[in-house]
Amino acid sequence: MPYERNGKLRQGADKTKRLIIVRQTECRNEATKQRRLPIEEYWRTKSEDLKRNPSEFFRVFKPFLKDKVVRRDQDIELNINGDIVKDQVKVSERLANHFADIADRTGETNADL
């Protein structure tokens, strides 16, 4: 193997192997970049949809939730600037706006989350 444990080439590895590895790394980096572009566009579109249709919030983010079972007897309460919001429609709208804002800022260099 031309690699040592830390991932660097041994001194005896020839130049051709080094160039191949560098080219493979460049290609992998480009492929990763190209794969991330449609993912970013998808979440940007979903964040815009969430602003227009907050009822879609649960359907979009459900795969990221830990529980697979929906418990209908548990309501979410939000503390917003000292006010407790218990109305589930308002809670879903606030959460949808919050996550839509985060998704909008995805990719910014100075995103203040």
PDB file of N, CA and C in Angstrom:
ATOM      1  N   MET A   1       0.842  -1.189   0.000  1.00  0.00           N
ATOM      2  CA  MET A   1       0.000   0.000   0.000  1.00  0.00           C
ATOM      3  C   MET A   1       0.880   1.243   0.000  1.00  0.00           C
ATOM      4  N   PRO A   2       0.510   2.231  -0.783  1.00  0.00           N
ATOM      5  CA  PRO A   2       1.305   3.454  -0.813  1.00  0.00           C
ATOM      6  C   PRO A   2       1.018   4.375   0.371  1.00  0.00           C
ATOM      7  N   TYR A   3       0.012   4.041   1.228  1.00  0.00           N
ATOM      8  CA  TYR A   3      -0.349   4.918   2.337  1.00  0.00           C
ATOM      9  C   TYR A   3       0.255   4.452   3.646  1.00  0.00           C
ATOM     10  N   GLU A   4       0.537   5.412   4.505  1.00  0.00           N
ATOM     11  CA  GLU A   4       0.864   5.103   5.886  1.00  0.00           C
ATOM     12  C   GLU A   4      -0.425   5.227   6.685  1.00  0.00           C
ATOM     13  N   ARG A   5      -0.358   5.056   7.972  1.00  0.00           N
ATOM     14  CA  ARG A   5      -1.560   5.127   8.805  1.00  0.00           C
ATOM     15  C   ARG A   5      -2.202   6.504   8.801  1.00  0.00           C
ATOM     16  N   ASN A   6      -1.436   7.552   8.730  1.00  0.00           N
ATOM     17  CA  ASN A   6      -2.008   8.903   8.790  1.00  0.00           C
ATOM     18  C   ASN A   6      -2.533   9.377   7.434  1.00  0.00           C
ATOM     19  N   GLY A   7      -2.519   8.519   6.421  1.00  0.00           N
ATOM     20  CA  GLY A   7      -3.085   8.858   5.133  1.00  0.00           C
ATOM     21  C   GLY A   7      -2.107   9.484   4.160  1.00  0.00           C
ATOM     22  N   LYS A   8      -0.896   9.731   4.570  1.00  0.00           N
ATOM     23  CA  LYS A   8       0.093  10.327   3.675  1.00  0.00           C
ATOM     24  C   LYS A   8       0.842   9.224   2.918  1.00  0.00           C
ATOM     25  N   LEU A   9       1.328   9.579   1.757  1.00  0.00           N
ATOM     26  CA  LEU A   9       2.089   8.622   0.956  1.00  0.00           C
ATOM     27  C   LEU A   9       3.461   8.397   1.565  1.00  0.00           C
ATOM     28  N   ARG A  10       3.947   7.172   1.436  1.00  0.00           N
ATOM     29  CA  ARG A  10       5.296   6.878   1.873  1.00  0.00           C
ATOM     30  C   ARG A  10       6.286   7.543   0.925  1.00  0.00           C
ATOM     31  N   GLN A  11       7.485   7.679   1.364  1.00  0.00           N
ATOM     32  CA  GLN A  11       8.515   8.317   0.569  1.00  0.00           C
ATOM     33  C   GLN A  11       8.770   7.570  -0.737  1.00  0.00           C
ATOM     34  N   GLY A  12       8.604   6.240  -0.734  1.00  0.00           N
ATOM     35  CA  GLY A  12       8.924   5.447  -1.909  1.00  0.00           C
ATOM     36  C   GLY A  12       7.822   5.403  -2.966  1.00  0.00           C
ATOM     37  N   ALA A  13       6.652   5.942  -2.684  1.00  0.00           N
ATOM     38  CA  ALA A  13       5.552   5.896  -3.655  1.00  0.00           C
ATOM     39  C   ALA A  13       5.909   6.769  -4.851  1.00  0.00           C
ATOM     40  N   ASP A  14       5.626   6.255  -6.035  1.00  0.00           N
ATOM     41  CA  ASP A  14       6.042   7.053  -7.187  1.00  0.00           C
ATOM     42  C   ASP A  14       5.118   8.228  -7.452  1.00  0.00           C
ATOM     43  N   LYS A  15       5.653   9.111  -8.275  1.00  0.00           N
ATOM     44  CA  LYS A  15       4.980  10.363  -8.576  1.00  0.00           C
ATOM     45  C   LYS A  15       3.624  10.139  -9.243  1.00  0.00           C
ATOM     46  N   THR A  16       3.519   9.100 -10.062  1.00  0.00           N
ATOM     47  CA  THR A  16       2.271   8.819 -10.752  1.00  0.00           C
ATOM     48  C   THR A  16       1.159   8.508  -9.751  1.00  0.00           C
ATOM     49  N   LYS A  17       1.472   7.713  -8.747  1.00  0.00           N
ATOM     50  CA  LYS A  17       0.484   7.393  -7.718  1.00  0.00           C
ATOM     51  C   LYS A  17       0.055   8.646  -6.975  1.00  0.00           C
ATOM     52  N   ARG A  18       1.019   9.514  -6.696  1.00  0.00           N
ATOM     53  CA  ARG A  18       0.693  10.774  -6.010  1.00  0.00           C
ATOM     54  C   ARG A  18      -0.256  11.617  -6.859  1.00  0.00           C
ATOM     55  N   LEU A  19       0.017  11.699  -8.152  1.00  0.00           N
ATOM     56  CA  LEU A  19      -0.836  12.493  -9.039  1.00  0.00           C
ATOM     57  C   LEU A  19      -2.238  11.887  -9.155  1.00  0.00           C
ATOM     58  N   ILE A  20      -2.308  10.558  -9.206  1.00  0.00           N
ATOM     59  CA  ILE A  20      -3.609   9.887  -9.276  1.00  0.00           C
ATOM     60  C   ILE A  20      -4.419  10.179  -8.019  1.00  0.00           C
ATOM     61  N   ILE A  21      -3.775  10.110  -6.885  1.00  0.00           N
ATOM     62  CA  ILE A  21      -4.475  10.348  -5.622  1.00  0.00           C
ATOM     63  C   ILE A  21      -4.939  11.791  -5.520  1.00  0.00           C
ATOM     64  N   VAL A  22      -4.109  12.726  -5.963  1.00  0.00           N
ATOM     65  CA  VAL A  22      -4.498  14.130  -5.953  1.00  0.00           C
ATOM     66  C   VAL A  22      -5.693  14.349  -6.876  1.00  0.00           C
ATOM     67  N   ARG A  23      -5.669  13.747  -8.052  1.00  0.00           N
ATOM     68  CA  ARG A  23      -6.779  13.890  -9.003  1.00  0.00           C
ATOM     69  C   ARG A  23      -8.069  13.251  -8.468  1.00  0.00           C
ATOM     70  N   GLN A  24      -7.934  12.094  -7.835  1.00  0.00           N
ATOM     71  CA  GLN A  24      -9.100  11.458  -7.226  1.00  0.00           C
ATOM     72  C   GLN A  24      -9.712  12.351  -6.143  1.00  0.00           C
ATOM     73  N   THR A  25      -8.871  12.969  -5.356  1.00  0.00           N
ATOM     74  CA  THR A  25      -9.349  13.869  -4.300  1.00  0.00           C
ATOM     75  C   THR A  25     -10.075  15.061  -4.905  1.00  0.00           C
ATOM     76  N   GLU A  26      -9.510  15.640  -5.957  1.00  0.00           N
ATOM     77  CA  GLU A  26     -10.154  16.777  -6.625  1.00  0.00           C
ATOM     78  C   GLU A  26     -11.517  16.374  -7.197  1.00  0.00           C
ATOM     79  N   CYS A  27     -11.570  15.202  -7.830  1.00  0.00           N
ATOM     80  CA  CYS A  27     -12.837  14.724  -8.397  1.00  0.00           C
ATOM     81  C   CYS A  27     -13.868  14.455  -7.310  1.00  0.00           C
ATOM     82  N   ARG A  28     -13.450  13.854  -6.195  1.00  0.00           N
ATOM     83  CA  ARG A  28     -14.363  13.584  -5.087  1.00  0.00           C
ATOM     84  C   ARG A  28     -14.898  14.888  -4.506  1.00  0.00           C
ATOM     85  N   ASN A  29     -14.043  15.878  -4.355  1.00  0.00           N
ATOM     86  CA  ASN A  29     -14.471  17.169  -3.828  1.00  0.00           C
ATOM     87  C   ASN A  29     -15.485  17.839  -4.763  1.00  0.00           C
ATOM     88  N   GLU A  30     -15.244  17.758  -6.052  1.00  0.00           N
ATOM     89  CA  GLU A  30     -16.174  18.341  -7.025  1.00  0.00           C
ATOM     90  C   GLU A  30     -17.509  17.597  -7.010  1.00  0.00           C
ATOM     91  N   ALA A  31     -17.451  16.276  -6.914  1.00  0.00           N
ATOM     92  CA  ALA A  31     -18.690  15.489  -6.861  1.00  0.00           C
ATOM     93  C   ALA A  31     -19.499  15.839  -5.610  1.00  0.00           C
ATOM     94  N   THR A  32     -18.820  15.997  -4.494  1.00  0.00           N
ATOM     95  CA  THR A  32     -19.503  16.384  -3.255  1.00  0.00           C
ATOM     96  C   THR A  32     -20.150  17.750  -3.405  1.00  0.00           C
ATOM     97  N   LYS A  33     -19.432  18.674  -4.004  1.00  0.00           N
ATOM     98  CA  LYS A  33     -19.972  20.025  -4.222  1.00  0.00           C
ATOM     99  C   LYS A  33     -21.211  19.973  -5.112  1.00  0.00           C
ATOM    100  N   GLN A  34     -21.145  19.204  -6.196  1.00  0.00           N
ATOM    101  CA  GLN A  34     -22.273  19.098  -7.120  1.00  0.00           C
ATOM    102  C   GLN A  34     -23.466  18.393  -6.472  1.00  0.00           C
ATOM    103  N   ARG A  35     -23.212  17.447  -5.565  1.00  0.00           N
ATOM    104  CA  ARG A  35     -24.294  16.760  -4.871  1.00  0.00           C
ATOM    105  C   ARG A  35     -24.986  17.691  -3.883  1.00  0.00           C
ATOM    106  N   ARG A  36     -24.227  18.581  -3.261  1.00  0.00           N
ATOM    107  CA  ARG A  36     -24.797  19.486  -2.255  1.00  0.00           C
ATOM    108  C   ARG A  36     -25.652  20.586  -2.871  1.00  0.00           C
ATOM    109  N   LEU A  37     -25.384  20.975  -4.103  1.00  0.00           N
ATOM    110  CA  LEU A  37     -26.145  22.059  -4.735  1.00  0.00           C
ATOM    111  C   LEU A  37     -27.635  21.751  -4.829  1.00  0.00           C
ATOM    112  N   PRO A  38     -28.064  20.594  -5.366  1.00  0.00           N
ATOM    113  CA  PRO A  38     -29.515  20.328  -5.404  1.00  0.00           C
ATOM    114  C   PRO A  38     -30.121  20.138  -4.019  1.00  0.00           C
ATOM    115  N   ILE A  39     -29.340  19.623  -3.069  1.00  0.00           N
ATOM    116  CA  ILE A  39     -29.854  19.476  -1.703  1.00  0.00           C
ATOM    117  C   ILE A  39     -30.139  20.849  -1.116  1.00  0.00           C
ATOM    118  N   GLU A  40     -29.219  21.782  -1.294  1.00  0.00           N
ATOM    119  CA  GLU A  40     -29.416  23.149  -0.803  1.00  0.00           C
ATOM    120  C   GLU A  40     -30.617  23.795  -1.479  1.00  0.00           C
ATOM    121  N   GLU A  41     -30.766  23.582  -2.777  1.00  0.00           N
ATOM    122  CA  GLU A  41     -31.906  24.147  -3.505  1.00  0.00           C
ATOM    123  C   GLU A  41     -33.221  23.541  -3.009  1.00  0.00           C
ATOM    124  N   TYR A  42     -33.223  22.236  -2.735  1.00  0.00           N
ATOM    125  CA  TYR A  42     -34.421  21.577  -2.217  1.00  0.00           C
ATOM    126  C   TYR A  42     -34.857  22.206  -0.892  1.00  0.00           C
ATOM    127  N   TRP A  43     -33.918  22.386   0.031  1.00  0.00           N
ATOM    128  CA  TRP A  43     -34.276  22.951   1.336  1.00  0.00           C
ATOM    129  C   TRP A  43     -34.645  24.420   1.223  1.00  0.00           C
ATOM    130  N   ARG A  44     -34.042  25.131   0.288  1.00  0.00           N
ATOM    131  CA  ARG A  44     -34.435  26.531   0.073  1.00  0.00           C
ATOM    132  C   ARG A  44     -35.883  26.596  -0.411  1.00  0.00           C
ATOM    133  N   THR A  45     -36.241  25.705  -1.343  1.00  0.00           N
ATOM    134  CA  THR A  45     -37.618  25.650  -1.837  1.00  0.00           C
ATOM    135  C   THR A  45     -38.579  25.261  -0.728  1.00  0.00           C
ATOM    136  N   LYS A  46     -38.228  24.257   0.085  1.00  0.00           N
ATOM    137  CA  LYS A  46     -39.080  23.835   1.190  1.00  0.00           C
ATOM    138  C   LYS A  46     -39.261  24.956   2.199  1.00  0.00           C
ATOM    139  N   SER A  47     -38.203  25.726   2.452  1.00  0.00           N
ATOM    140  CA  SER A  47     -38.335  26.823   3.419  1.00  0.00           C
ATOM    141  C   SER A  47     -39.282  27.895   2.895  1.00  0.00           C
ATOM    142  N   GLU A  48     -39.266  28.145   1.589  1.00  0.00           N
ATOM    143  CA  GLU A  48     -40.207  29.106   1.017  1.00  0.00           C
ATOM    144  C   GLU A  48     -41.630  28.557   1.072  1.00  0.00           C
ATOM    145  N   ASP A  49     -41.790  27.256   0.839  1.00  0.00           N
ATOM    146  CA  ASP A  49     -43.108  26.633   0.933  1.00  0.00           C
ATOM    147  C   ASP A  49     -43.638  26.681   2.358  1.00  0.00           C
ATOM    148  N   LEU A  50     -42.755  26.511   3.334  1.00  0.00           N
ATOM    149  CA  LEU A  50     -43.187  26.537   4.726  1.00  0.00           C
ATOM    150  C   LEU A  50     -43.734  27.899   5.118  1.00  0.00           C
ATOM    151  N   LYS A  51     -43.177  28.948   4.553  1.00  0.00           N
ATOM    152  CA  LYS A  51     -43.679  30.284   4.853  1.00  0.00           C
ATOM    153  C   LYS A  51     -45.084  30.471   4.294  1.00  0.00           C
ATOM    154  N   ARG A  52     -45.356  29.865   3.142  1.00  0.00           N
ATOM    155  CA  ARG A  52     -46.677  30.009   2.528  1.00  0.00           C
ATOM    156  C   ARG A  52     -47.683  29.011   3.083  1.00  0.00           C
ATOM    157  N   ASN A  53     -47.228  27.834   3.492  1.00  0.00           N
ATOM    158  CA  ASN A  53     -48.134  26.774   3.919  1.00  0.00           C
ATOM    159  C   ASN A  53     -47.574  26.092   5.172  1.00  0.00           C
ATOM    160  N   PRO A  54     -47.790  26.677   6.359  1.00  0.00           N
ATOM    161  CA  PRO A  54     -47.223  26.113   7.586  1.00  0.00           C
ATOM    162  C   PRO A  54     -47.743  24.721   7.928  1.00  0.00           C
ATOM    163  N   SER A  55     -48.893  24.343   7.386  1.00  0.00           N
ATOM    164  CA  SER A  55     -49.420  23.009   7.701  1.00  0.00           C
ATOM    165  C   SER A  55     -48.534  21.902   7.140  1.00  0.00           C
ATOM    166  N   GLU A  56     -47.685  22.223   6.189  1.00  0.00           N
ATOM    167  CA  GLU A  56     -46.757  21.240   5.624  1.00  0.00           C
ATOM    168  C   GLU A  56     -45.544  21.014   6.522  1.00  0.00           C
ATOM    169  N   PHE A  57     -45.431  21.809   7.587  1.00  0.00           N
ATOM    170  CA  PHE A  57     -44.258  21.731   8.469  1.00  0.00           C
ATOM    171  C   PHE A  57     -44.013  20.306   8.964  1.00  0.00           C
ATOM    172  N   PHE A  58     -45.034  19.687   9.530  1.00  0.00           N
ATOM    173  CA  PHE A  58     -44.854  18.366  10.125  1.00  0.00           C
ATOM    174  C   PHE A  58     -44.483  17.325   9.076  1.00  0.00           C
ATOM    175  N   ARG A  59     -45.111  17.379   7.923  1.00  0.00           N
ATOM    176  CA  ARG A  59     -44.834  16.399   6.876  1.00  0.00           C
ATOM    177  C   ARG A  59     -43.392  16.495   6.383  1.00  0.00           C
ATOM    178  N   VAL A  60     -42.881  17.711   6.274  1.00  0.00           N
ATOM    179  CA  VAL A  60     -41.520  17.906   5.767  1.00  0.00           C
ATOM    180  C   VAL A  60     -40.478  17.463   6.788  1.00  0.00           C
ATOM    181  N   PHE A  61     -40.697  17.814   8.052  1.00  0.00           N
ATOM    182  CA  PHE A  61     -39.679  17.553   9.064  1.00  0.00           C
ATOM    183  C   PHE A  61     -39.893  16.257   9.843  1.00  0.00           C
ATOM    184  N   LYS A  62     -40.969  15.539   9.568  1.00  0.00           N
ATOM    185  CA  LYS A  62     -41.262  14.305  10.291  1.00  0.00           C
ATOM    186  C   LYS A  62     -40.127  13.289  10.211  1.00  0.00           C
ATOM    187  N   PRO A  63     -39.475  13.101   9.066  1.00  0.00           N
ATOM    188  CA  PRO A  63     -38.388  12.114   9.021  1.00  0.00           C
ATOM    189  C   PRO A  63     -37.231  12.430   9.963  1.00  0.00           C
ATOM    190  N   PHE A  64     -37.111  13.676  10.392  1.00  0.00           N
ATOM    191  CA  PHE A  64     -36.008  14.063  11.266  1.00  0.00           C
ATOM    192  C   PHE A  64     -36.370  13.957  12.744  1.00  0.00           C
ATOM    193  N   LEU A  65     -37.630  13.663  13.035  1.00  0.00           N
ATOM    194  CA  LEU A  65     -38.056  13.533  14.414  1.00  0.00           C
ATOM    195  C   LEU A  65     -37.705  12.153  14.932  1.00  0.00           C
ATOM    196  N   LYS A  66     -37.451  12.056  16.231  1.00  0.00           N
ATOM    197  CA  LYS A  66     -36.979  10.816  16.818  1.00  0.00           C
ATOM    198  C   LYS A  66     -38.071   9.758  16.903  1.00  0.00           C
ATOM    199  N   ASP A  67     -39.249  10.129  17.395  1.00  0.00           N
ATOM    200  CA  ASP A  67     -40.329   9.159  17.560  1.00  0.00           C
ATOM    201  C   ASP A  67     -41.009   8.873  16.230  1.00  0.00           C
ATOM    202  N   LYS A  68     -41.349   7.642  16.029  1.00  0.00           N
ATOM    203  CA  LYS A  68     -42.084   7.267  14.836  1.00  0.00           C
ATOM    204  C   LYS A  68     -43.586   7.280  15.098  1.00  0.00           C
ATOM    205  N   VAL A  69     -43.979   7.344  16.359  1.00  0.00           N
ATOM    206  CA  VAL A  69     -45.380   7.319  16.748  1.00  0.00           C
ATOM    207  C   VAL A  69     -45.840   8.755  17.008  1.00  0.00           C
ATOM    208  N   VAL A  70     -46.992   9.113  16.472  1.00  0.00           N
ATOM    209  CA  VAL A  70     -47.561  10.428  16.716  1.00  0.00           C
ATOM    210  C   VAL A  70     -48.436  10.331  17.953  1.00  0.00           C
ATOM    211  N   ARG A  71     -48.107  11.115  18.956  1.00  0.00           N
ATOM    212  CA  ARG A  71     -48.898  11.141  20.185  1.00  0.00           C
ATOM    213  C   ARG A  71     -49.825  12.338  20.126  1.00  0.00           C
ATOM    214  N   ARG A  72     -51.084  12.081  20.053  1.00  0.00           N
ATOM    215  CA  ARG A  72     -52.064  13.151  19.892  1.00  0.00           C
ATOM    216  C   ARG A  72     -52.395  13.856  21.201  1.00  0.00           C
ATOM    217  N   ASP A  73     -52.032  13.265  22.324  1.00  0.00           N
ATOM    218  CA  ASP A  73     -52.378  13.869  23.603  1.00  0.00           C
ATOM    219  C   ASP A  73     -51.319  14.850  24.109  1.00  0.00           C
ATOM    220  N   GLN A  74     -50.222  15.004  23.408  1.00  0.00           N
ATOM    221  CA  GLN A  74     -49.171  15.904  23.857  1.00  0.00           C
ATOM    222  C   GLN A  74     -49.154  17.149  22.985  1.00  0.00           C
ATOM    223  N   ASP A  75     -49.400  18.280  23.620  1.00  0.00           N
ATOM    224  CA  ASP A  75     -49.353  19.555  22.916  1.00  0.00           C
ATOM    225  C   ASP A  75     -48.011  20.221  23.176  1.00  0.00           C
ATOM    226  N   ILE A  76     -47.568  20.988  22.209  1.00  0.00           N
ATOM    227  CA  ILE A  76     -46.329  21.742  22.343  1.00  0.00           C
ATOM    228  C   ILE A  76     -46.673  23.130  22.846  1.00  0.00           C
ATOM    229  N   GLU A  77     -45.926  23.592  23.854  1.00  0.00           N
ATOM    230  CA  GLU A  77     -46.083  24.945  24.357  1.00  0.00           C
ATOM    231  C   GLU A  77     -44.780  25.696  24.104  1.00  0.00           C
ATOM    232  N   LEU A  78     -44.903  26.903  23.570  1.00  0.00           N
ATOM    233  CA  LEU A  78     -43.724  27.725  23.303  1.00  0.00           C
ATOM    234  C   LEU A  78     -43.728  28.943  24.211  1.00  0.00           C
ATOM    235  N   ASN A  79     -42.558  29.281  24.710  1.00  0.00           N
ATOM    236  CA  ASN A  79     -42.376  30.504  25.479  1.00  0.00           C
ATOM    237  C   ASN A  79     -41.726  31.519  24.550  1.00  0.00           C
ATOM    238  N   ILE A  80     -42.511  32.495  24.107  1.00  0.00           N
ATOM    239  CA  ILE A  80     -42.019  33.500  23.172  1.00  0.00           C
ATOM    240  C   ILE A  80     -42.039  34.846  23.875  1.00  0.00           C
ATOM    241  N   ASN A  81     -40.858  35.321  24.240  1.00  0.00           N
ATOM    242  CA  ASN A  81     -40.702  36.595  24.940  1.00  0.00           C
ATOM    243  C   ASN A  81     -41.591  36.675  26.179  1.00  0.00           C
ATOM    244  N   GLY A  82     -41.651  35.585  26.930  1.00  0.00           N
ATOM    245  CA  GLY A  82     -42.431  35.558  28.156  1.00  0.00           C
ATOM    246  C   GLY A  82     -43.881  35.165  27.974  1.00  0.00           C
ATOM    247  N   ASP A  83     -44.389  35.106  26.763  1.00  0.00           N
ATOM    248  CA  ASP A  83     -45.760  34.694  26.494  1.00  0.00           C
ATOM    249  C   ASP A  83     -45.776  33.203  26.155  1.00  0.00           C
ATOM    250  N   ILE A  84     -46.660  32.465  26.812  1.00  0.00           N
ATOM    251  CA  ILE A  84     -46.804  31.038  26.540  1.00  0.00           C
ATOM    252  C   ILE A  84     -47.835  30.860  25.426  1.00  0.00           C
ATOM    253  N   VAL A  85     -47.414  30.238  24.327  1.00  0.00           N
ATOM    254  CA  VAL A  85     -48.306  29.979  23.192  1.00  0.00           C
ATOM    255  C   VAL A  85     -48.695  28.509  23.245  1.00  0.00           C
ATOM    256  N   LYS A  86     -50.006  28.236  23.381  1.00  0.00           N
ATOM    257  CA  LYS A  86     -50.508  26.867  23.456  1.00  0.00           C
ATOM    258  C   LYS A  86     -51.304  26.467  22.227  1.00  0.00           C
ATOM    259  N   ASP A  87     -51.778  27.438  21.457  1.00  0.00           N
ATOM    260  CA  ASP A  87     -52.551  27.146  20.244  1.00  0.00           C
ATOM    261  C   ASP A  87     -51.630  26.439  19.249  1.00  0.00           C
ATOM    262  N   GLN A  88     -51.976  25.195  18.904  1.00  0.00           N
ATOM    263  CA  GLN A  88     -51.093  24.365  18.088  1.00  0.00           C
ATOM    264  C   GLN A  88     -50.906  24.901  16.671  1.00  0.00           C
ATOM    265  N   VAL A  89     -51.889  25.609  16.152  1.00  0.00           N
ATOM    266  CA  VAL A  89     -51.728  26.224  14.831  1.00  0.00           C
ATOM    267  C   VAL A  89     -50.675  27.317  14.899  1.00  0.00           C
ATOM    268  N   LYS A  90     -50.747  28.157  15.939  1.00  0.00           N
ATOM    269  CA  LYS A  90     -49.749  29.227  16.103  1.00  0.00           C
ATOM    270  C   LYS A  90     -48.376  28.637  16.392  1.00  0.00           C
ATOM    271  N   VAL A  91     -48.341  27.563  17.169  1.00  0.00           N
ATOM    272  CA  VAL A  91     -47.061  26.910  17.458  1.00  0.00           C
ATOM    273  C   VAL A  91     -46.439  26.393  16.164  1.00  0.00           C
ATOM    274  N   SER A  92     -47.247  25.731  15.326  1.00  0.00           N
ATOM    275  CA  SER A  92     -46.705  25.198  14.071  1.00  0.00           C
ATOM    276  C   SER A  92     -46.241  26.317  13.153  1.00  0.00           C
ATOM    277  N   GLU A  93     -46.980  27.439  13.127  1.00  0.00           N
ATOM    278  CA  GLU A  93     -46.563  28.577  12.292  1.00  0.00           C
ATOM    279  C   GLU A  93     -45.247  29.157  12.787  1.00  0.00           C
ATOM    280  N   ARG A  94     -45.114  29.300  14.111  1.00  0.00           N
ATOM    281  CA  ARG A  94     -43.864  29.855  14.660  1.00  0.00           C
ATOM    282  C   ARG A  94     -42.685  28.926  14.378  1.00  0.00           C
ATOM    283  N   LEU A  95     -42.898  27.621  14.579  1.00  0.00           N
ATOM    284  CA  LEU A  95     -41.819  26.671  14.311  1.00  0.00           C
ATOM    285  C   LEU A  95     -41.482  26.630  12.822  1.00  0.00           C
ATOM    286  N   ALA A  96     -42.500  26.667  11.981  1.00  0.00           N
ATOM    287  CA  ALA A  96     -42.261  26.659  10.537  1.00  0.00           C
ATOM    288  C   ALA A  96     -41.459  27.890  10.127  1.00  0.00           C
ATOM    289  N   ASN A  97     -41.825  29.064  10.647  1.00  0.00           N
ATOM    290  CA  ASN A  97     -41.071  30.282  10.331  1.00  0.00           C
ATOM    291  C   ASN A  97     -39.641  30.204  10.841  1.00  0.00           C
ATOM    292  N   HIS A  98     -39.488  29.659  12.045  1.00  0.00           N
ATOM    293  CA  HIS A  98     -38.148  29.542  12.626  1.00  0.00           C
ATOM    294  C   HIS A  98     -37.248  28.663  11.756  1.00  0.00           C
ATOM    295  N   PHE A  99     -37.738  27.464  11.404  1.00  0.00           N
ATOM    296  CA  PHE A  99     -36.924  26.554  10.607  1.00  0.00           C
ATOM    297  C   PHE A  99     -36.766  27.038   9.169  1.00  0.00           C
ATOM    298  N   ALA A 100     -37.758  27.749   8.657  1.00  0.00           N
ATOM    299  CA  ALA A 100     -37.628  28.318   7.315  1.00  0.00           C
ATOM    300  C   ALA A 100     -36.544  29.383   7.299  1.00  0.00           C
ATOM    301  N   ASP A 101     -36.473  30.201   8.348  1.00  0.00           N
ATOM    302  CA  ASP A 101     -35.418  31.210   8.438  1.00  0.00           C
ATOM    303  C   ASP A 101     -34.041  30.559   8.521  1.00  0.00           C
ATOM    304  N   ILE A 102     -33.945  29.479   9.286  1.00  0.00           N
ATOM    305  CA  ILE A 102     -32.663  28.756   9.373  1.00  0.00           C
ATOM    306  C   ILE A 102     -32.287  28.185   8.012  1.00  0.00           C
ATOM    307  N   ALA A 103     -33.255  27.596   7.319  1.00  0.00           N
ATOM    308  CA  ALA A 103     -32.983  27.016   6.008  1.00  0.00           C
ATOM    309  C   ALA A 103     -32.593  28.100   5.007  1.00  0.00           C
ATOM    310  N   ASP A 104     -33.196  29.281   5.120  1.00  0.00           N
ATOM    311  CA  ASP A 104     -32.836  30.386   4.231  1.00  0.00           C
ATOM    312  C   ASP A 104     -31.387  30.800   4.425  1.00  0.00           C
ATOM    313  N   ARG A 105     -30.916  30.723   5.668  1.00  0.00           N
ATOM    314  CA  ARG A 105     -29.550  31.153   5.959  1.00  0.00           C
ATOM    315  C   ARG A 105     -28.521  30.055   5.732  1.00  0.00           C
ATOM    316  N   THR A 106     -28.966  28.867   5.339  1.00  0.00           N
ATOM    317  CA  THR A 106     -28.037  27.778   5.085  1.00  0.00           C
ATOM    318  C   THR A 106     -27.129  28.167   3.923  1.00  0.00           C
ATOM    319  N   GLY A 107     -25.863  28.037   4.140  1.00  0.00           N
ATOM    320  CA  GLY A 107     -24.891  28.388   3.106  1.00  0.00           C
ATOM    321  C   GLY A 107     -24.303  29.770   3.273  1.00  0.00           C
ATOM    322  N   GLU A 108     -24.905  30.608   4.139  1.00  0.00           N
ATOM    323  CA  GLU A 108     -24.317  31.924   4.379  1.00  0.00           C
ATOM    324  C   GLU A 108     -23.080  31.743   5.253  1.00  0.00           C
ATOM    325  N   THR A 109     -22.114  32.634   5.071  1.00  0.00           N
ATOM    326  CA  THR A 109     -20.881  32.502   5.841  1.00  0.00           C
ATOM    327  C   THR A 109     -21.043  33.011   7.260  1.00  0.00           C
ATOM    328  N   ASN A 110     -21.871  34.022   7.481  1.00  0.00           N
ATOM    329  CA  ASN A 110     -22.040  34.587   8.816  1.00  0.00           C
ATOM    330  C   ASN A 110     -23.454  34.350   9.313  1.00  0.00           C
ATOM    331  N   ALA A 111     -23.924  33.128   9.198  1.00  0.00           N
ATOM    332  CA  ALA A 111     -25.282  32.804   9.650  1.00  0.00           C
ATOM    333  C   ALA A 111     -25.308  32.812  11.170  1.00  0.00           C
ATOM    334  N   ASP A 112     -26.166  33.646  11.748  1.00  0.00           N
ATOM    335  CA  ASP A 112     -26.301  33.752  13.195  1.00  0.00           C
ATOM    336  C   ASP A 112     -27.485  32.904  13.618  1.00  0.00           C
ATOM    337  N   LEU A 113     -27.215  31.640  13.909  1.00  0.00           N
ATOM    338  CA  LEU A 113     -28.287  30.721  14.294  1.00  0.00           C
ATOM    339  C   LEU A 113     -28.469  30.835  15.757  1.00  0.00           C
TER     340      LEU A 113
END
